[in-house]
């Protein structure tokens, strides 16, 4: 299923429920890694924001690598074509 989230004109509010089976692990993680001013909500927000930014950076990196590979293939094809021309002459 594909859906598109339209850009928001206001902050996006999300409610997250931590299942009781993993809550002990969430609490441990939260207590060991939170900053002094973190609440559970700000902690989760920072994690999600970092993940979203990482995803965007990775996507841009993948696109750059793909473009570089295509450019290299074009250069190799041109070199091959030029070598064929040189062999004929």
N, C-alpha and C. Protein backbone atom coordinates (compact mmCIF):
# COMPACT_ATOMS: atom_id res chain seq x y z
N UNK A 1 0.84 -1.17 0.00
CA UNK A 1 0.00 0.00 0.00
C UNK A 1 0.89 1.23 0.00
N UNK A 2 0.62 2.15 -0.91
CA UNK A 2 1.39 3.38 -1.00
C UNK A 2 0.49 4.55 -0.66
N UNK A 3 1.02 5.46 0.11
CA UNK A 3 0.29 6.69 0.39
C UNK A 3 1.28 7.82 0.52
N UNK A 4 0.83 9.01 0.25
CA UNK A 4 1.70 10.18 0.29
C UNK A 4 1.22 11.08 1.42
N UNK A 5 2.16 11.48 2.28
CA UNK A 5 1.84 12.43 3.33
C UNK A 5 2.04 13.83 2.76
N UNK A 6 1.00 14.60 2.74
CA UNK A 6 1.11 15.97 2.25
C UNK A 6 1.89 16.80 3.25
N UNK A 7 2.63 17.81 2.78
CA UNK A 7 3.35 18.68 3.72
C UNK A 7 2.36 19.32 4.69
N UNK A 8 2.73 19.32 5.92
CA UNK A 8 1.86 19.87 6.95
C UNK A 8 2.09 21.37 7.09
N UNK A 9 1.03 22.09 7.38
CA UNK A 9 1.13 23.51 7.67
C UNK A 9 1.31 23.72 9.17
N UNK A 10 1.19 22.62 9.90
CA UNK A 10 1.38 22.68 11.35
C UNK A 10 2.16 21.44 11.76
N UNK A 11 2.56 21.37 13.01
CA UNK A 11 3.30 20.21 13.50
C UNK A 11 2.44 18.95 13.37
N UNK A 12 3.11 17.83 13.10
CA UNK A 12 2.42 16.55 13.01
C UNK A 12 2.38 15.93 14.41
N UNK A 13 1.20 15.62 14.89
CA UNK A 13 1.04 14.99 16.20
C UNK A 13 0.92 13.49 16.00
N UNK A 14 1.74 12.74 16.73
CA UNK A 14 1.72 11.28 16.63
C UNK A 14 1.65 10.72 18.04
N UNK A 15 0.80 9.74 18.23
CA UNK A 15 0.72 9.05 19.51
C UNK A 15 1.32 7.66 19.32
N UNK A 16 2.22 7.29 20.20
CA UNK A 16 2.87 5.98 20.12
C UNK A 16 2.56 5.20 21.38
N UNK A 17 2.17 3.95 21.20
CA UNK A 17 1.95 3.05 22.32
C UNK A 17 3.07 2.03 22.34
N UNK A 18 3.75 1.93 23.45
CA UNK A 18 4.82 0.94 23.62
C UNK A 18 4.18 -0.31 24.23
N UNK A 19 4.18 -1.43 23.51
CA UNK A 19 3.58 -2.64 24.07
C UNK A 19 4.26 -3.04 25.38
N UNK A 20 3.47 -3.54 26.29
CA UNK A 20 4.00 -3.89 27.62
C UNK A 20 5.13 -4.91 27.54
N UNK A 21 5.13 -5.74 26.48
CA UNK A 21 6.17 -6.77 26.34
C UNK A 21 7.55 -6.16 26.08
N UNK A 22 7.59 -4.98 25.49
CA UNK A 22 8.89 -4.35 25.22
C UNK A 22 9.12 -3.09 26.06
N UNK A 23 8.15 -2.73 26.87
CA UNK A 23 8.26 -1.51 27.67
C UNK A 23 9.49 -1.51 28.57
N UNK A 24 9.82 -2.64 29.14
CA UNK A 24 10.99 -2.69 30.02
C UNK A 24 12.26 -2.31 29.25
N UNK A 25 12.35 -2.73 28.00
CA UNK A 25 13.52 -2.40 27.18
C UNK A 25 13.50 -0.93 26.77
N UNK A 26 12.30 -0.42 26.46
CA UNK A 26 12.18 0.99 26.13
C UNK A 26 12.58 1.85 27.32
N UNK A 27 12.07 1.52 28.50
CA UNK A 27 12.40 2.29 29.70
C UNK A 27 13.89 2.28 29.98
N UNK A 28 14.52 1.12 29.83
CA UNK A 28 15.96 1.00 30.05
C UNK A 28 16.72 1.89 29.07
N UNK A 29 16.35 1.80 27.81
CA UNK A 29 16.99 2.61 26.76
C UNK A 29 16.80 4.10 27.05
N UNK A 30 15.57 4.47 27.36
CA UNK A 30 15.25 5.86 27.66
C UNK A 30 16.05 6.37 28.85
N UNK A 31 16.04 5.65 29.94
CA UNK A 31 16.73 6.09 31.15
C UNK A 31 18.24 6.16 30.97
N UNK A 32 18.81 5.26 30.17
CA UNK A 32 20.26 5.24 29.97
C UNK A 32 20.75 6.26 28.95
N UNK A 33 19.89 6.71 28.06
CA UNK A 33 20.38 7.57 26.98
C UNK A 33 19.74 8.95 26.92
N UNK A 34 18.73 9.22 27.72
CA UNK A 34 18.06 10.51 27.66
C UNK A 34 18.96 11.61 28.22
N UNK A 35 18.66 12.84 27.77
CA UNK A 35 19.35 13.99 28.34
C UNK A 35 18.53 14.48 29.53
N UNK A 36 19.09 15.39 30.30
CA UNK A 36 18.43 15.85 31.52
C UNK A 36 17.06 16.48 31.25
N UNK A 37 16.91 17.15 30.12
CA UNK A 37 15.64 17.84 29.84
C UNK A 37 14.67 17.00 28.98
N UNK A 38 15.04 15.76 28.67
CA UNK A 38 14.16 14.92 27.86
C UNK A 38 12.95 14.43 28.64
N UNK A 39 11.82 14.42 27.94
CA UNK A 39 10.65 13.68 28.39
C UNK A 39 10.58 12.47 27.46
N UNK A 40 9.69 11.55 27.73
CA UNK A 40 9.54 10.41 26.83
C UNK A 40 9.21 10.90 25.43
N UNK A 41 8.36 11.92 25.33
CA UNK A 41 7.95 12.44 24.02
C UNK A 41 9.11 13.11 23.28
N UNK A 42 9.88 13.94 23.97
CA UNK A 42 11.00 14.60 23.29
C UNK A 42 12.08 13.59 22.92
N UNK A 43 12.24 12.58 23.75
CA UNK A 43 13.21 11.52 23.46
C UNK A 43 12.84 10.80 22.16
N UNK A 44 11.58 10.38 22.06
CA UNK A 44 11.11 9.68 20.86
C UNK A 44 11.18 10.61 19.65
N UNK A 45 10.81 11.88 19.84
CA UNK A 45 10.89 12.85 18.75
C UNK A 45 12.32 12.95 18.21
N UNK A 46 13.29 13.08 19.10
CA UNK A 46 14.69 13.21 18.66
C UNK A 46 15.14 11.96 17.90
N UNK A 47 14.75 10.79 18.38
CA UNK A 47 15.11 9.55 17.69
C UNK A 47 14.50 9.52 16.29
N UNK A 48 13.20 9.83 16.19
CA UNK A 48 12.53 9.82 14.90
C UNK A 48 13.09 10.88 13.96
N UNK A 49 13.40 12.06 14.49
CA UNK A 49 13.97 13.12 13.66
C UNK A 49 15.32 12.70 13.11
N UNK A 50 16.15 12.09 13.96
CA UNK A 50 17.47 11.62 13.50
C UNK A 50 17.31 10.54 12.43
N UNK A 51 16.35 9.65 12.62
CA UNK A 51 16.12 8.58 11.64
C UNK A 51 15.64 9.16 10.31
N UNK A 52 14.76 10.15 10.37
CA UNK A 52 14.26 10.78 9.14
C UNK A 52 15.38 11.50 8.41
N UNK A 53 16.23 12.21 9.13
CA UNK A 53 17.35 12.90 8.51
C UNK A 53 18.36 11.91 7.94
N UNK A 54 18.61 10.83 8.66
CA UNK A 54 19.52 9.79 8.17
C UNK A 54 18.95 9.16 6.89
N UNK A 55 17.67 8.89 6.88
CA UNK A 55 17.02 8.31 5.70
C UNK A 55 17.19 9.25 4.50
N UNK A 56 16.97 10.54 4.70
CA UNK A 56 17.11 11.51 3.61
C UNK A 56 18.55 11.56 3.11
N UNK A 57 19.51 11.59 4.03
CA UNK A 57 20.92 11.63 3.64
C UNK A 57 21.29 10.36 2.87
N UNK A 58 20.83 9.22 3.33
CA UNK A 58 21.12 7.95 2.65
C UNK A 58 20.51 7.93 1.26
N UNK A 59 19.30 8.44 1.14
CA UNK A 59 18.63 8.49 -0.16
C UNK A 59 19.42 9.36 -1.13
N UNK A 60 19.84 10.54 -0.68
CA UNK A 60 20.64 11.43 -1.52
C UNK A 60 21.97 10.79 -1.89
N UNK A 61 22.58 10.11 -0.94
CA UNK A 61 23.84 9.42 -1.19
C UNK A 61 23.66 8.33 -2.24
N UNK A 62 22.60 7.55 -2.12
CA UNK A 62 22.32 6.49 -3.09
C UNK A 62 22.09 7.07 -4.48
N UNK A 63 21.37 8.19 -4.55
CA UNK A 63 21.13 8.84 -5.84
C UNK A 63 22.44 9.33 -6.45
N UNK A 64 23.32 9.88 -5.62
CA UNK A 64 24.62 10.36 -6.11
C UNK A 64 25.47 9.20 -6.61
N UNK A 65 25.47 8.10 -5.89
CA UNK A 65 26.24 6.92 -6.30
C UNK A 65 25.69 6.38 -7.62
N UNK A 66 24.37 6.34 -7.74
CA UNK A 66 23.74 5.86 -8.98
C UNK A 66 24.13 6.76 -10.15
N UNK A 67 24.09 8.07 -9.95
CA UNK A 67 24.46 9.01 -11.01
C UNK A 67 25.93 8.84 -11.39
N UNK A 68 26.78 8.64 -10.40
CA UNK A 68 28.20 8.42 -10.66
C UNK A 68 28.42 7.14 -11.46
N UNK A 69 27.70 6.08 -11.10
CA UNK A 69 27.83 4.82 -11.83
C UNK A 69 27.37 4.99 -13.29
N UNK A 70 26.29 5.71 -13.49
CA UNK A 70 25.80 5.95 -14.85
C UNK A 70 26.80 6.77 -15.65
N UNK A 71 27.41 7.76 -15.01
CA UNK A 71 28.42 8.57 -15.69
C UNK A 71 29.62 7.71 -16.06
N UNK A 72 30.05 6.84 -15.16
CA UNK A 72 31.19 5.96 -15.45
C UNK A 72 30.87 5.00 -16.59
N UNK A 73 29.65 4.48 -16.62
CA UNK A 73 29.24 3.60 -17.72
C UNK A 73 29.25 4.35 -19.04
N UNK A 74 28.79 5.60 -19.03
CA UNK A 74 28.80 6.41 -20.25
C UNK A 74 30.23 6.68 -20.71
N UNK A 75 31.12 6.96 -19.78
CA UNK A 75 32.53 7.19 -20.13
C UNK A 75 33.15 5.93 -20.70
N UNK A 76 32.88 4.80 -20.07
CA UNK A 76 33.43 3.53 -20.57
C UNK A 76 32.90 3.21 -21.97
N UNK A 77 31.62 3.47 -22.20
CA UNK A 77 31.03 3.23 -23.52
C UNK A 77 31.67 4.15 -24.56
N UNK A 78 31.88 5.40 -24.21
CA UNK A 78 32.53 6.34 -25.12
C UNK A 78 33.97 5.94 -25.40
N UNK A 79 34.69 5.52 -24.38
CA UNK A 79 36.07 5.06 -24.56
C UNK A 79 36.11 3.84 -25.49
N UNK A 80 35.17 2.94 -25.30
CA UNK A 80 35.11 1.75 -26.14
C UNK A 80 34.83 2.14 -27.59
N UNK A 81 33.91 3.06 -27.77
CA UNK A 81 33.57 3.53 -29.11
C UNK A 81 34.79 4.18 -29.77
N UNK A 82 35.51 5.01 -29.01
CA UNK A 82 36.70 5.66 -29.55
C UNK A 82 37.79 4.66 -29.89
N UNK A 83 37.95 3.64 -29.06
CA UNK A 83 38.95 2.60 -29.34
C UNK A 83 38.59 1.85 -30.62
N UNK A 84 37.29 1.59 -30.82
CA UNK A 84 36.85 0.94 -32.06
C UNK A 84 37.17 1.81 -33.26
N UNK A 85 36.97 3.12 -33.16
CA UNK A 85 37.27 4.04 -34.26
C UNK A 85 38.77 4.03 -34.55
N UNK A 86 39.57 4.02 -33.50
CA UNK A 86 41.04 4.02 -33.69
C UNK A 86 41.51 2.74 -34.35
N UNK A 87 40.87 1.62 -34.04
CA UNK A 87 41.23 0.33 -34.66
C UNK A 87 40.91 0.32 -36.15
N UNK A 88 39.84 0.99 -36.51
CA UNK A 88 39.42 1.01 -37.92
C UNK A 88 40.40 1.82 -38.75
N UNK A 89 40.87 2.90 -38.17
CA UNK A 89 41.79 3.78 -38.93
C UNK A 89 43.15 3.23 -38.83
